[in-house]
C-alpha cells in the first residue's frame, strides 16, 4: 500500500491554476453571450474566433508552465517511509516514519473543484492546499489529488498509521 503524488514546487502553481481555470470558463461565455444577442454577424464571429485562438495559445503556454511547477518530483508514501523521487525515479530524500516525532496531514480528502462552490472560490483566488508536514524535520510537501484512488490510498495509510500508534495529526485543508 502506497500513496504517490506529484510535489507542488512553488506557490506560483496556485496562481497559474486559477488563471487556467479562468481560461477554461471564459471562452464558453464568449460563445454563449453573442449567440443570444446577435444571431448572424460574420464580423462578430470572425472576431470571436480570433479571440478564442489567442486565448488557446495563451492557455497552452500557461499549461506548460503549470505542469513544470509540479512535474519535477514525486512524493511516495508507504507504511514506513516518506520518500521524494525525481523524474528518473531516483530517491532524493527519505524519511523513515520511525524517526519522525509526528506527521501532520492537511487535507479534506476530496478532489479540487468538485462543486460549483469550489470552482467559484478558486476563481476568486481561494485555494485549497493539501500537504504533508514532517516534524521535527520541518519539511512540508504540497500535493494535489489526481484521482479518487489517490484519496483512498492516503486514507488507508492514515488508518494504518493510527492503528500502529504513529503520532499523526489530521487537519482540514486551509482555504487561502
Foldseek 3Di string as FASTA:
>chain_A
DKFKFFFQQDPVLLVLVLVLLCLVPVLVVLVPVCVVVPVDDVVSVVVSVVVNVVSVVVSVVSVVVNCVRGQAWMWMGDLFKTFIAGPVRDTDDIDGLVPFQEKEWAEPLDAQPPDPVRSVCSNVVWDWWTWMATPPVGDITTGHDPDNVSSVNVVVSVVSCVVVVRHYHYHYTGTD
